[in-house]
Amino acid sequence: MKYSIEKSEKYTKLLLNEEKLDTLKAPSLKSEIITLYQSGTINLILNLSNVKYVDSSGLSAVLVANRLSKEVGGYLVLVGITDHVMKLVKISKLDHVLNILPTEEEAVDAIFLNEIEKDFNGEE
């Protein structure tokens, strides 16, 4: 699976460089996501702008990321979702479960706002 990772102090960006996130690619994504969270990632921006097709295995990998982010008190944001992929997300009713924003810049802002809110509420 082709991807790039960019880490900063408050978040990690993972850009998928694949057109399909399917049964063949999803296990690699799950594995990488697990590794990221085990190595200290708390907030993750998952950029799917290159992904044109997702199947249930791909959605499962995204849900693993969502679960892990919640377990560590973090925030997962999906960005760059194409229309076709968004249709599947909506059909699956995951648009109410996942944090989806158009751009990485908006995702960074959302993460910083979430961090401020956690600090304000005294959460770790």
PDB file of N, CA and C in Angstrom:
ATOM      1  N   MET A   1       0.845  -1.176   0.000  1.00  0.00           N
ATOM      2  CA  MET A   1       0.000   0.000   0.000  1.00  0.00           C
ATOM      3  C   MET A   1       0.891   1.240   0.000  1.00  0.00           C
ATOM      4  N   LYS A   2       0.518   2.209  -0.819  1.00  0.00           N
ATOM      5  CA  LYS A   2       1.291   3.448  -0.923  1.00  0.00           C
ATOM      6  C   LYS A   2       0.632   4.535  -0.072  1.00  0.00           C
ATOM      7  N   TYR A   3       1.462   5.176   0.756  1.00  0.00           N
ATOM      8  CA  TYR A   3       0.969   6.253   1.604  1.00  0.00           C
ATOM      9  C   TYR A   3       2.149   7.092   2.064  1.00  0.00           C
ATOM     10  N   SER A   4       1.840   8.254   2.603  1.00  0.00           N
ATOM     11  CA  SER A   4       2.874   9.078   3.223  1.00  0.00           C
ATOM     12  C   SER A   4       2.371   9.536   4.582  1.00  0.00           C
ATOM     13  N   ILE A   5       3.317   9.729   5.483  1.00  0.00           N
ATOM     14  CA  ILE A   5       2.992  10.134   6.849  1.00  0.00           C
ATOM     15  C   ILE A   5       3.767  11.397   7.179  1.00  0.00           C
ATOM     16  N   GLU A   6       3.071  12.324   7.799  1.00  0.00           N
ATOM     17  CA  GLU A   6       3.698  13.558   8.271  1.00  0.00           C
ATOM     18  C   GLU A   6       3.274  13.760   9.722  1.00  0.00           C
ATOM     19  N   LYS A   7       4.254  13.778  10.620  1.00  0.00           N
ATOM     20  CA  LYS A   7       3.949  13.934  12.044  1.00  0.00           C
ATOM     21  C   LYS A   7       4.270  15.344  12.510  1.00  0.00           C
ATOM     22  N   SER A   8       3.406  15.847  13.381  1.00  0.00           N
ATOM     23  CA  SER A   8       3.668  17.114  14.050  1.00  0.00           C
ATOM     24  C   SER A   8       3.408  16.902  15.540  1.00  0.00           C
ATOM     25  N   GLU A   9       3.557  17.952  16.313  1.00  0.00           N
ATOM     26  CA  GLU A   9       3.415  17.815  17.763  1.00  0.00           C
ATOM     27  C   GLU A   9       2.016  17.362  18.176  1.00  0.00           C
ATOM     28  N   LYS A  10       0.990  17.893  17.538  1.00  0.00           N
ATOM     29  CA  LYS A  10      -0.391  17.636  17.966  1.00  0.00           C
ATOM     30  C   LYS A  10      -1.152  16.622  17.115  1.00  0.00           C
ATOM     31  N   TYR A  11      -0.627  16.279  15.944  1.00  0.00           N
ATOM     32  CA  TYR A  11      -1.371  15.373  15.066  1.00  0.00           C
ATOM     33  C   TYR A  11      -0.430  14.679  14.091  1.00  0.00           C
ATOM     34  N   THR A  12      -0.974  13.626  13.482  1.00  0.00           N
ATOM     35  CA  THR A  12      -0.282  12.909  12.413  1.00  0.00           C
ATOM     36  C   THR A  12      -1.180  12.943  11.191  1.00  0.00           C
ATOM     37  N   LYS A  13      -0.589  13.228  10.025  1.00  0.00           N
ATOM     38  CA  LYS A  13      -1.330  13.174   8.757  1.00  0.00           C
ATOM     39  C   LYS A  13      -0.928  11.901   8.029  1.00  0.00           C
ATOM     40  N   LEU A  14      -1.918  11.157   7.569  1.00  0.00           N
ATOM     41  CA  LEU A  14      -1.680   9.974   6.752  1.00  0.00           C
ATOM     42  C   LEU A  14      -2.401  10.182   5.426  1.00  0.00           C
ATOM     43  N   LEU A  15      -1.626  10.286   4.356  1.00  0.00           N
ATOM     44  CA  LEU A  15      -2.174  10.478   3.013  1.00  0.00           C
ATOM     45  C   LEU A  15      -2.096   9.159   2.264  1.00  0.00           C
ATOM     46  N   LEU A  16      -3.250   8.624   1.880  1.00  0.00           N
ATOM     47  CA  LEU A  16      -3.269   7.396   1.079  1.00  0.00           C
ATOM     48  C   LEU A  16      -3.001   7.747  -0.373  1.00  0.00           C
ATOM     49  N   ASN A  17      -2.048   7.068  -0.959  1.00  0.00           N
ATOM     50  CA  ASN A  17      -1.727   7.270  -2.373  1.00  0.00           C
ATOM     51  C   ASN A  17      -2.193   6.071  -3.185  1.00  0.00           C
ATOM     52  N   GLU A  18      -3.421   5.687  -2.960  1.00  0.00           N
ATOM     53  CA  GLU A  18      -4.048   4.556  -3.644  1.00  0.00           C
ATOM     54  C   GLU A  18      -5.404   4.998  -4.170  1.00  0.00           C
ATOM     55  N   GLU A  19      -5.824   4.399  -5.290  1.00  0.00           N
ATOM     56  CA  GLU A  19      -7.163   4.697  -5.806  1.00  0.00           C
ATOM     57  C   GLU A  19      -8.228   3.816  -5.177  1.00  0.00           C
ATOM     58  N   LYS A  20      -7.821   2.656  -4.675  1.00  0.00           N
ATOM     59  CA  LYS A  20      -8.779   1.728  -4.070  1.00  0.00           C
ATOM     60  C   LYS A  20      -8.378   1.410  -2.635  1.00  0.00           C
ATOM     61  N   LEU A  21      -9.361   1.431  -1.765  1.00  0.00           N
ATOM     62  CA  LEU A  21      -9.186   0.969  -0.398  1.00  0.00           C
ATOM     63  C   LEU A  21     -10.149  -0.197  -0.241  1.00  0.00           C
ATOM     64  N   ASP A  22      -9.640  -1.367  -0.584  1.00  0.00           N
ATOM     65  CA  ASP A  22     -10.485  -2.552  -0.657  1.00  0.00           C
ATOM     66  C   ASP A  22      -9.891  -3.692   0.167  1.00  0.00           C
ATOM     67  N   THR A  23     -10.412  -4.892  -0.064  1.00  0.00           N
ATOM     68  CA  THR A  23      -9.992  -6.083   0.664  1.00  0.00           C
ATOM     69  C   THR A  23      -8.491  -6.318   0.576  1.00  0.00           C
ATOM     70  N   LEU A  24      -7.875  -5.931  -0.519  1.00  0.00           N
ATOM     71  CA  LEU A  24      -6.438  -6.133  -0.687  1.00  0.00           C
ATOM     72  C   LEU A  24      -5.610  -5.095   0.070  1.00  0.00           C
ATOM     73  N   LYS A  25      -6.100  -3.873   0.176  1.00  0.00           N
ATOM     74  CA  LYS A  25      -5.324  -2.778   0.769  1.00  0.00           C
ATOM     75  C   LYS A  25      -5.693  -2.484   2.226  1.00  0.00           C
ATOM     76  N   ALA A  26      -6.923  -2.777   2.617  1.00  0.00           N
ATOM     77  CA  ALA A  26      -7.401  -2.418   3.955  1.00  0.00           C
ATOM     78  C   ALA A  26      -6.573  -3.031   5.088  1.00  0.00           C
ATOM     79  N   PRO A  27      -6.156  -4.303   4.995  1.00  0.00           N
ATOM     80  CA  PRO A  27      -5.348  -4.853   6.092  1.00  0.00           C
ATOM     81  C   PRO A  27      -4.046  -4.079   6.328  1.00  0.00           C
ATOM     82  N   SER A  28      -3.420  -3.616   5.267  1.00  0.00           N
ATOM     83  CA  SER A  28      -2.192  -2.820   5.411  1.00  0.00           C
ATOM     84  C   SER A  28      -2.483  -1.490   6.093  1.00  0.00           C
ATOM     85  N   LEU A  29      -3.610  -0.873   5.737  1.00  0.00           N
ATOM     86  CA  LEU A  29      -3.980   0.389   6.369  1.00  0.00           C
ATOM     87  C   LEU A  29      -4.265   0.169   7.853  1.00  0.00           C
ATOM     88  N   LYS A  30      -5.022  -0.875   8.179  1.00  0.00           N
ATOM     89  CA  LYS A  30      -5.310  -1.177   9.585  1.00  0.00           C
ATOM     90  C   LYS A  30      -4.017  -1.349  10.366  1.00  0.00           C
ATOM     91  N   SER A  31      -3.103  -2.110   9.796  1.00  0.00           N
ATOM     92  CA  SER A  31      -1.821  -2.365  10.452  1.00  0.00           C
ATOM     93  C   SER A  31      -1.052  -1.068  10.693  1.00  0.00           C
ATOM     94  N   GLU A  32      -1.008  -0.201   9.701  1.00  0.00           N
ATOM     95  CA  GLU A  32      -0.298   1.076   9.845  1.00  0.00           C
ATOM     96  C   GLU A  32      -0.966   1.959  10.884  1.00  0.00           C
ATOM     97  N   ILE A  33      -2.285   1.976  10.896  1.00  0.00           N
ATOM     98  CA  ILE A  33      -3.023   2.783  11.874  1.00  0.00           C
ATOM     99  C   ILE A  33      -2.744   2.284  13.289  1.00  0.00           C
ATOM    100  N   ILE A  34      -2.774   0.983  13.473  1.00  0.00           N
ATOM    101  CA  ILE A  34      -2.480   0.405  14.792  1.00  0.00           C
ATOM    102  C   ILE A  34      -1.069   0.787  15.227  1.00  0.00           C
ATOM    103  N   THR A  35      -0.111   0.682  14.307  1.00  0.00           N
ATOM    104  CA  THR A  35       1.276   1.056  14.605  1.00  0.00           C
ATOM    105  C   THR A  35       1.379   2.525  15.003  1.00  0.00           C
ATOM    106  N   LEU A  36       0.677   3.391  14.283  1.00  0.00           N
ATOM    107  CA  LEU A  36       0.707   4.823  14.611  1.00  0.00           C
ATOM    108  C   LEU A  36       0.199   5.083  16.027  1.00  0.00           C
ATOM    109  N   TYR A  37      -0.920   4.459  16.379  1.00  0.00           N
ATOM    110  CA  TYR A  37      -1.471   4.686  17.710  1.00  0.00           C
ATOM    111  C   TYR A  37      -0.596   4.058  18.785  1.00  0.00           C
ATOM    112  N   GLN A  38       0.005   2.916  18.503  1.00  0.00           N
ATOM    113  CA  GLN A  38       0.913   2.297  19.472  1.00  0.00           C
ATOM    114  C   GLN A  38       2.166   3.136  19.689  1.00  0.00           C
ATOM    115  N   SER A  39       2.540   3.920  18.686  1.00  0.00           N
ATOM    116  CA  SER A  39       3.746   4.745  18.809  1.00  0.00           C
ATOM    117  C   SER A  39       3.448   6.156  19.327  1.00  0.00           C
ATOM    118  N   GLY A  40       2.227   6.387  19.786  1.00  0.00           N
ATOM    119  CA  GLY A  40       1.921   7.644  20.451  1.00  0.00           C
ATOM    120  C   GLY A  40       1.036   8.627  19.718  1.00  0.00           C
ATOM    121  N   THR A  41       0.573   8.290  18.533  1.00  0.00           N
ATOM    122  CA  THR A  41      -0.358   9.187  17.833  1.00  0.00           C
ATOM    123  C   THR A  41      -1.642   9.308  18.642  1.00  0.00           C
ATOM    124  N   ILE A  42      -2.130  10.526  18.756  1.00  0.00           N
ATOM    125  CA  ILE A  42      -3.403  10.756  19.441  1.00  0.00           C
ATOM    126  C   ILE A  42      -4.436  11.286  18.456  1.00  0.00           C
ATOM    127  N   ASN A  43      -4.043  12.280  17.669  1.00  0.00           N
ATOM    128  CA  ASN A  43      -4.935  12.877  16.675  1.00  0.00           C
ATOM    129  C   ASN A  43      -4.442  12.503  15.283  1.00  0.00           C
ATOM    130  N   LEU A  44      -5.365  12.021  14.451  1.00  0.00           N
ATOM    131  CA  LEU A  44      -4.996  11.556  13.115  1.00  0.00           C
ATOM    132  C   LEU A  44      -5.856  12.233  12.060  1.00  0.00           C
ATOM    133  N   ILE A  45      -5.187  12.737  11.032  1.00  0.00           N
ATOM    134  CA  ILE A  45      -5.874  13.259   9.850  1.00  0.00           C
ATOM    135  C   ILE A  45      -5.650  12.239   8.747  1.00  0.00           C
ATOM    136  N   LEU A  46      -6.719  11.626   8.292  1.00  0.00           N
ATOM    137  CA  LEU A  46      -6.650  10.606   7.247  1.00  0.00           C
ATOM    138  C   LEU A  46      -7.129  11.232   5.943  1.00  0.00           C
ATOM    139  N   ASN A  47      -6.184  11.457   5.030  1.00  0.00           N
ATOM    140  CA  ASN A  47      -6.492  12.113   3.759  1.00  0.00           C
ATOM    141  C   ASN A  47      -6.800  11.053   2.703  1.00  0.00           C
ATOM    142  N   LEU A  48      -8.049  11.050   2.243  1.00  0.00           N
ATOM    143  CA  LEU A  48      -8.519  10.064   1.268  1.00  0.00           C
ATOM    144  C   LEU A  48      -8.737  10.681  -0.110  1.00  0.00           C
ATOM    145  N   SER A  49      -8.089  11.795  -0.395  1.00  0.00           N
ATOM    146  CA  SER A  49      -8.343  12.513  -1.646  1.00  0.00           C
ATOM    147  C   SER A  49      -7.968  11.717  -2.893  1.00  0.00           C
ATOM    148  N   ASN A  50      -7.066  10.766  -2.782  1.00  0.00           N
ATOM    149  CA  ASN A  50      -6.682   9.945  -3.939  1.00  0.00           C
ATOM    150  C   ASN A  50      -7.543   8.701  -4.094  1.00  0.00           C
ATOM    151  N   VAL A  51      -8.346   8.402  -3.081  1.00  0.00           N
ATOM    152  CA  VAL A  51      -9.140   7.170  -3.059  1.00  0.00           C
ATOM    153  C   VAL A  51     -10.441   7.383  -3.828  1.00  0.00           C
ATOM    154  N   LYS A  52     -10.636   6.572  -4.852  1.00  0.00           N
ATOM    155  CA  LYS A  52     -11.842   6.669  -5.683  1.00  0.00           C
ATOM    156  C   LYS A  52     -12.868   5.584  -5.352  1.00  0.00           C
ATOM    157  N   TYR A  53     -12.399   4.503  -4.694  1.00  0.00           N
ATOM    158  CA  TYR A  53     -13.272   3.370  -4.405  1.00  0.00           C
ATOM    159  C   TYR A  53     -12.952   2.823  -3.018  1.00  0.00           C
ATOM    160  N   VAL A  54     -13.990   2.575  -2.241  1.00  0.00           N
ATOM    161  CA  VAL A  54     -13.852   1.956  -0.925  1.00  0.00           C
ATOM    162  C   VAL A  54     -14.895   0.860  -0.817  1.00  0.00           C
ATOM    163  N   ASP A  55     -14.494  -0.282  -0.250  1.00  0.00           N
ATOM    164  CA  ASP A  55     -15.475  -1.327   0.036  1.00  0.00           C
ATOM    165  C   ASP A  55     -15.618  -1.460   1.554  1.00  0.00           C
ATOM    166  N   SER A  56     -16.355  -2.467   2.005  1.00  0.00           N
ATOM    167  CA  SER A  56     -16.610  -2.618   3.439  1.00  0.00           C
ATOM    168  C   SER A  56     -15.323  -2.839   4.229  1.00  0.00           C
ATOM    169  N   SER A  57     -14.332  -3.484   3.643  1.00  0.00           N
ATOM    170  CA  SER A  57     -13.049  -3.681   4.322  1.00  0.00           C
ATOM    171  C   SER A  57     -12.352  -2.344   4.544  1.00  0.00           C
ATOM    172  N   GLY A  58     -12.438  -1.477   3.564  1.00  0.00           N
ATOM    173  CA  GLY A  58     -11.853  -0.144   3.699  1.00  0.00           C
ATOM    174  C   GLY A  58     -12.537   0.664   4.783  1.00  0.00           C
ATOM    175  N   LEU A  59     -13.867   0.601   4.817  1.00  0.00           N
ATOM    176  CA  LEU A  59     -14.606   1.302   5.869  1.00  0.00           C
ATOM    177  C   LEU A  59     -14.261   0.733   7.238  1.00  0.00           C
ATOM    178  N   SER A  60     -14.056  -0.571   7.300  1.00  0.00           N
ATOM    179  CA  SER A  60     -13.666  -1.214   8.550  1.00  0.00           C
ATOM    180  C   SER A  60     -12.335  -0.669   9.053  1.00  0.00           C
ATOM    181  N   ALA A  61     -11.383  -0.461   8.155  1.00  0.00           N
ATOM    182  CA  ALA A  61     -10.081   0.101   8.540  1.00  0.00           C
ATOM    183  C   ALA A  61     -10.253   1.509   9.107  1.00  0.00           C
ATOM    184  N   VAL A  62     -11.128   2.286   8.498  1.00  0.00           N
ATOM    185  CA  VAL A  62     -11.396   3.643   8.984  1.00  0.00           C
ATOM    186  C   VAL A  62     -12.045   3.586  10.366  1.00  0.00           C
ATOM    187  N   LEU A  63     -12.942   2.632  10.565  1.00  0.00           N
ATOM    188  CA  LEU A  63     -13.596   2.496  11.867  1.00  0.00           C
ATOM    189  C   LEU A  63     -12.617   2.056  12.950  1.00  0.00           C
ATOM    190  N   VAL A  64     -11.615   1.258  12.581  1.00  0.00           N
ATOM    191  CA  VAL A  64     -10.555   0.898  13.533  1.00  0.00           C
ATOM    192  C   VAL A  64      -9.834   2.166  13.981  1.00  0.00           C
ATOM    193  N   ALA A  65      -9.505   3.026  13.031  1.00  0.00           N
ATOM    194  CA  ALA A  65      -8.844   4.294  13.363  1.00  0.00           C
ATOM    195  C   ALA A  65      -9.724   5.132  14.290  1.00  0.00           C
ATOM    196  N   ASN A  66     -11.013   5.172  14.014  1.00  0.00           N
ATOM    197  CA  ASN A  66     -11.944   5.943  14.831  1.00  0.00           C
ATOM    198  C   ASN A  66     -11.987   5.395  16.259  1.00  0.00           C
ATOM    199  N   ARG A  67     -12.059   4.078  16.376  1.00  0.00           N
ATOM    200  CA  ARG A  67     -12.104   3.446  17.703  1.00  0.00           C
ATOM    201  C   ARG A  67     -10.818   3.717  18.478  1.00  0.00           C
ATOM    202  N   LEU A  68      -9.671   3.544  17.818  1.00  0.00           N
ATOM    203  CA  LEU A  68      -8.391   3.757  18.490  1.00  0.00           C
ATOM    204  C   LEU A  68      -8.214   5.211  18.915  1.00  0.00           C
ATOM    205  N   SER A  69      -8.667   6.137  18.086  1.00  0.00           N
ATOM    206  CA  SER A  69      -8.535   7.552  18.459  1.00  0.00           C
ATOM    207  C   SER A  69      -9.359   7.851  19.706  1.00  0.00           C
ATOM    208  N   LYS A  70     -10.538   7.271  19.793  1.00  0.00           N
ATOM    209  CA  LYS A  70     -11.380   7.488  20.974  1.00  0.00           C
ATOM    210  C   LYS A  70     -10.766   6.849  22.213  1.00  0.00           C
ATOM    211  N   GLU A  71     -10.155   5.670  22.036  1.00  0.00           N
ATOM    212  CA  GLU A  71      -9.537   4.976  23.166  1.00  0.00           C
ATOM    213  C   GLU A  71      -8.417   5.791  23.796  1.00  0.00           C
ATOM    214  N   VAL A  72      -7.699   6.564  22.993  1.00  0.00           N
ATOM    215  CA  VAL A  72      -6.586   7.368  23.523  1.00  0.00           C
ATOM    216  C   VAL A  72      -7.000   8.818  23.783  1.00  0.00           C
ATOM    217  N   GLY A  73      -8.291   9.095  23.673  1.00  0.00           N
ATOM    218  CA  GLY A  73      -8.781  10.451  23.909  1.00  0.00           C
ATOM    219  C   GLY A  73      -8.435  11.417  22.791  1.00  0.00           C
ATOM    220  N   GLY A  74      -8.265  10.871  21.595  1.00  0.00           N
ATOM    221  CA  GLY A  74      -7.869  11.684  20.454  1.00  0.00           C
ATOM    222  C   GLY A  74      -9.014  12.004  19.522  1.00  0.00           C
ATOM    223  N   TYR A  75      -8.629  12.457  18.345  1.00  0.00           N
ATOM    224  CA  TYR A  75      -9.593  12.936  17.363  1.00  0.00           C
ATOM    225  C   TYR A  75      -9.154  12.457  15.988  1.00  0.00           C
ATOM    226  N   LEU A  76     -10.024  11.773  15.289  1.00  0.00           N
ATOM    227  CA  LEU A  76      -9.778  11.337  13.912  1.00  0.00           C
ATOM    228  C   LEU A  76     -10.590  12.226  12.986  1.00  0.00           C
ATOM    229  N   VAL A  77      -9.937  12.721  11.938  1.00  0.00           N
ATOM    230  CA  VAL A  77     -10.641  13.523  10.940  1.00  0.00           C
ATOM    231  C   VAL A  77     -10.323  12.963   9.562  1.00  0.00           C
ATOM    232  N   LEU A  78     -11.368  12.705   8.780  1.00  0.00           N
ATOM    233  CA  LEU A  78     -11.202  12.288   7.389  1.00  0.00           C
ATOM    234  C   LEU A  78     -11.311  13.522   6.513  1.00  0.00           C
ATOM    235  N   VAL A  79     -10.407  13.646   5.558  1.00  0.00           N
ATOM    236  CA  VAL A  79     -10.443  14.792   4.647  1.00  0.00           C
ATOM    237  C   VAL A  79     -10.319  14.320   3.205  1.00  0.00           C
ATOM    238  N   GLY A  80     -10.770  15.174   2.293  1.00  0.00           N
ATOM    239  CA  GLY A  80     -10.605  14.915   0.870  1.00  0.00           C
ATOM    240  C   GLY A  80     -11.428  13.766   0.329  1.00  0.00           C
ATOM    241  N   ILE A  81     -12.555  13.490   0.941  1.00  0.00           N
ATOM    242  CA  ILE A  81     -13.367  12.353   0.499  1.00  0.00           C
ATOM    243  C   ILE A  81     -14.044  12.683  -0.827  1.00  0.00           C
ATOM    244  N   THR A  82     -13.873  11.794  -1.797  1.00  0.00           N
ATOM    245  CA  THR A  82     -14.495  11.980  -3.110  1.00  0.00           C
ATOM    246  C   THR A  82     -15.999  11.718  -3.022  1.00  0.00           C
ATOM    247  N   ASP A  83     -16.738  12.189  -4.002  1.00  0.00           N
ATOM    248  CA  ASP A  83     -18.194  12.027  -4.005  1.00  0.00           C
ATOM    249  C   ASP A  83     -18.605  10.563  -3.929  1.00  0.00           C
ATOM    250  N   HIS A  84     -17.937   9.704  -4.701  1.00  0.00           N
ATOM    251  CA  HIS A  84     -18.297   8.283  -4.722  1.00  0.00           C
ATOM    252  C   HIS A  84     -18.095   7.646  -3.342  1.00  0.00           C
ATOM    253  N   VAL A  85     -16.975   7.946  -2.720  1.00  0.00           N
ATOM    254  CA  VAL A  85     -16.690   7.392  -1.394  1.00  0.00           C
ATOM    255  C   VAL A  85     -17.672   7.963  -0.373  1.00  0.00           C
ATOM    256  N   MET A  86     -17.992   9.242  -0.490  1.00  0.00           N
ATOM    257  CA  MET A  86     -18.927   9.867   0.445  1.00  0.00           C
ATOM    258  C   MET A  86     -20.309   9.236   0.355  1.00  0.00           C
ATOM    259  N   LYS A  87     -20.721   8.848  -0.847  1.00  0.00           N
ATOM    260  CA  LYS A  87     -22.017   8.170  -1.001  1.00  0.00           C
ATOM    261  C   LYS A  87     -22.052   6.896  -0.175  1.00  0.00           C
ATOM    262  N   LEU A  88     -20.978   6.118  -0.224  1.00  0.00           N
ATOM    263  CA  LEU A  88     -20.916   4.875   0.547  1.00  0.00           C
ATOM    264  C   LEU A  88     -20.905   5.172   2.049  1.00  0.00           C
ATOM    265  N   VAL A  89     -20.184   6.192   2.448  1.00  0.00           N
ATOM    266  CA  VAL A  89     -20.145   6.585   3.857  1.00  0.00           C
ATOM    267  C   VAL A  89     -21.551   6.962   4.327  1.00  0.00           C
ATOM    268  N   LYS A  90     -22.281   7.716   3.507  1.00  0.00           N
ATOM    269  CA  LYS A  90     -23.641   8.125   3.873  1.00  0.00           C
ATOM    270  C   LYS A  90     -24.607   6.944   3.882  1.00  0.00           C
ATOM    271  N   ILE A  91     -24.497   6.069   2.883  1.00  0.00           N
ATOM    272  CA  ILE A  91     -25.355   4.877   2.838  1.00  0.00           C
ATOM    273  C   ILE A  91     -25.147   4.033   4.088  1.00  0.00           C
ATOM    274  N   SER A  92     -23.901   3.958   4.530  1.00  0.00           N
ATOM    275  CA  SER A  92     -23.550   3.184   5.724  1.00  0.00           C
ATOM    276  C   SER A  92     -23.872   3.939   7.013  1.00  0.00           C
ATOM    277  N   LYS A  93     -24.353   5.164   6.873  1.00  0.00           N
ATOM    278  CA  LYS A  93     -24.691   6.046   7.992  1.00  0.00           C
ATOM    279  C   LYS A  93     -23.484   6.350   8.883  1.00  0.00           C
ATOM    280  N   LEU A  94     -22.308   6.309   8.290  1.00  0.00           N
ATOM    281  CA  LEU A  94     -21.089   6.607   9.035  1.00  0.00           C
ATOM    282  C   LEU A  94     -20.772   8.100   9.053  1.00  0.00           C
ATOM    283  N   ASP A  95     -21.514   8.872   8.262  1.00  0.00           N
ATOM    284  CA  ASP A  95     -21.300  10.322   8.270  1.00  0.00           C
ATOM    285  C   ASP A  95     -21.715  10.934   9.608  1.00  0.00           C
ATOM    286  N   HIS A  96     -22.494  10.178  10.407  1.00  0.00           N
ATOM    287  CA  HIS A  96     -22.896  10.638  11.735  1.00  0.00           C
ATOM    288  C   HIS A  96     -21.925  10.155  12.808  1.00  0.00           C
ATOM    289  N   VAL A  97     -21.044   9.242  12.440  1.00  0.00           N
ATOM    290  CA  VAL A  97     -20.094   8.642  13.380  1.00  0.00           C
ATOM    291  C   VAL A  97     -18.701   9.240  13.217  1.00  0.00           C
ATOM    292  N   LEU A  98     -18.325   9.518  11.979  1.00  0.00           N
ATOM    293  CA  LEU A  98     -16.975   9.973  11.661  1.00  0.00           C
ATOM    294  C   LEU A  98     -16.913  11.495  11.543  1.00  0.00           C
ATOM    295  N   ASN A  99     -15.757  12.048  11.848  1.00  0.00           N
ATOM    296  CA  ASN A  99     -15.504  13.481  11.654  1.00  0.00           C
ATOM    297  C   ASN A  99     -14.972  13.663  10.239  1.00  0.00           C
ATOM    298  N   ILE A 100     -15.734  14.340   9.396  1.00  0.00           N
ATOM    299  CA  ILE A 100     -15.372  14.511   7.988  1.00  0.00           C
ATOM    300  C   ILE A 100     -15.332  16.002   7.671  1.00  0.00           C
ATOM    301  N   LEU A 101     -14.201  16.435   7.126  1.00  0.00           N
ATOM    302  CA  LEU A 101     -14.038  17.829   6.722  1.00  0.00           C
ATOM    303  C   LEU A 101     -13.425  17.877   5.328  1.00  0.00           C
ATOM    304  N   PRO A 102     -13.640  18.968   4.603  1.00  0.00           N
ATOM    305  CA  PRO A 102     -13.138  19.041   3.225  1.00  0.00           C
ATOM    306  C   PRO A 102     -11.614  19.085   3.097  1.00  0.00           C
ATOM    307  N   THR A 103     -10.929  19.820   3.993  1.00  0.00           N
ATOM    308  CA  THR A 103      -9.493  20.046   3.791  1.00  0.00           C
ATOM    309  C   THR A 103      -8.671  19.719   5.034  1.00  0.00           C
ATOM    310  N   GLU A 104      -7.373  19.523   4.809  1.00  0.00           N
ATOM    311  CA  GLU A 104      -6.454  19.288   5.923  1.00  0.00           C
ATOM    312  C   GLU A 104      -6.390  20.501   6.846  1.00  0.00           C
ATOM    313  N   GLU A 105      -6.445  21.686   6.280  1.00  0.00           N
ATOM    314  CA  GLU A 105      -6.388  22.905   7.090  1.00  0.00           C
ATOM    315  C   GLU A 105      -7.554  22.958   8.078  1.00  0.00           C
ATOM    316  N   GLU A 106      -8.746  22.609   7.602  1.00  0.00           N
ATOM    317  CA  GLU A 106      -9.910  22.584   8.487  1.00  0.00           C
ATOM    318  C   GLU A 106      -9.771  21.491   9.538  1.00  0.00           C
ATOM    319  N   ALA A 107      -9.164  20.375   9.163  1.00  0.00           N
ATOM    320  CA  ALA A 107      -8.937  19.287  10.115  1.00  0.00           C
ATOM    321  C   ALA A 107      -7.977  19.723  11.215  1.00  0.00           C
ATOM    322  N   VAL A 108      -6.914  20.418  10.834  1.00  0.00           N
ATOM    323  CA  VAL A 108      -5.958  20.922  11.826  1.00  0.00           C
ATOM    324  C   VAL A 108      -6.666  21.875  12.791  1.00  0.00           C
ATOM    325  N   ASP A 109      -7.484  22.770  12.262  1.00  0.00           N
ATOM    326  CA  ASP A 109      -8.246  23.693  13.110  1.00  0.00           C
ATOM    327  C   ASP A 109      -9.163  22.927  14.061  1.00  0.00           C
ATOM    328  N   ALA A 110      -9.840  21.904  13.561  1.00  0.00           N
ATOM    329  CA  ALA A 110     -10.755  21.110  14.388  1.00  0.00           C
ATOM    330  C   ALA A 110      -9.997  20.395  15.505  1.00  0.00           C
ATOM    331  N   ILE A 111      -8.823  19.882  15.179  1.00  0.00           N
ATOM    332  CA  ILE A 111      -8.009  19.201  16.195  1.00  0.00           C
ATOM    333  C   ILE A 111      -7.582  20.186  17.276  1.00  0.00           C
ATOM    334  N   PHE A 112      -7.125  21.362  16.878  1.00  0.00           N
ATOM    335  CA  PHE A 112      -6.717  22.354  17.870  1.00  0.00           C
ATOM    336  C   PHE A 112      -7.902  22.802  18.723  1.00  0.00           C
ATOM    337  N   LEU A 113      -9.065  22.968  18.123  1.00  0.00           N
ATOM    338  CA  LEU A 113     -10.262  23.320  18.899  1.00  0.00           C
ATOM    339  C   LEU A 113     -10.629  22.208  19.872  1.00  0.00           C
ATOM    340  N   ASN A 114     -10.510  20.962  19.429  1.00  0.00           N
ATOM    341  CA  ASN A 114     -10.790  19.823  20.296  1.00  0.00           C
ATOM    342  C   ASN A 114      -9.812  19.795  21.471  1.00  0.00           C
ATOM    343  N   GLU A 115      -8.538  20.076  21.205  1.00  0.00           N
ATOM    344  CA  GLU A 115      -7.527  20.117  22.268  1.00  0.00           C
ATOM    345  C   GLU A 115      -7.843  21.229  23.278  1.00  0.00           C
ATOM    346  N   ILE A 116      -8.239  22.393  22.780  1.00  0.00           N
ATOM    347  CA  ILE A 116      -8.595  23.509  23.665  1.00  0.00           C
ATOM    348  C   ILE A 116      -9.794  23.132  24.526  1.00  0.00           C
ATOM    349  N   GLU A 117     -10.788  22.500  23.911  1.00  0.00           N
ATOM    350  CA  GLU A 117     -11.982  22.079  24.647  1.00  0.00           C
ATOM    351  C   GLU A 117     -11.630  21.064  25.727  1.00  0.00           C
ATOM    352  N   LYS A 118     -10.757  20.108  25.399  1.00  0.00           N
ATOM    353  CA  LYS A 118     -10.329  19.118  26.395  1.00  0.00           C
ATOM    354  C   LYS A 118      -9.609  19.797  27.560  1.00  0.00           C
ATOM    355  N   ASP A 119      -8.735  20.752  27.253  1.00  0.00           N
ATOM    356  CA  ASP A 119      -8.026  21.486  28.306  1.00  0.00           C
ATOM    357  C   ASP A 119      -9.008  22.267  29.179  1.00  0.00           C
ATOM    358  N   PHE A 120      -9.970  22.904  28.542  1.00  0.00           N
ATOM    359  CA  PHE A 120     -10.969  23.695  29.262  1.00  0.00           C
ATOM    360  C   PHE A 120     -11.797  22.822  30.201  1.00  0.00           C
ATOM    361  N   ASN A 121     -12.132  21.615  29.730  1.00  0.00           N
ATOM    362  CA  ASN A 121     -12.947  20.697  30.524  1.00  0.00           C
ATOM    363  C   ASN A 121     -12.126  19.862  31.496  1.00  0.00           C
ATOM    364  N   GLY A 122     -10.810  20.048  31.496  1.00  0.00           N
ATOM    365  CA  GLY A 122      -9.951  19.312  32.416  1.00  0.00           C
ATOM    366  C   GLY A 122      -9.745  17.861  32.050  1.00  0.00           C
ATOM    367  N   GLU A 123      -9.937  17.531  30.776  1.00  0.00           N
ATOM    368  CA  GLU A 123      -9.742  16.152  30.323  1.00  0.00           C
ATOM    369  C   GLU A 123      -8.290  15.954  29.935  1.00  0.00           C
ATOM    370  N   GLU A 124      -7.843  14.705  30.023  1.00  0.00           N
ATOM    371  CA  GLU A 124      -6.471  14.370  29.603  1.00  0.00           C
ATOM    372  C   GLU A 124      -6.429  14.069  28.146  1.00  0.00           C
TER     373      GLU A 124
END
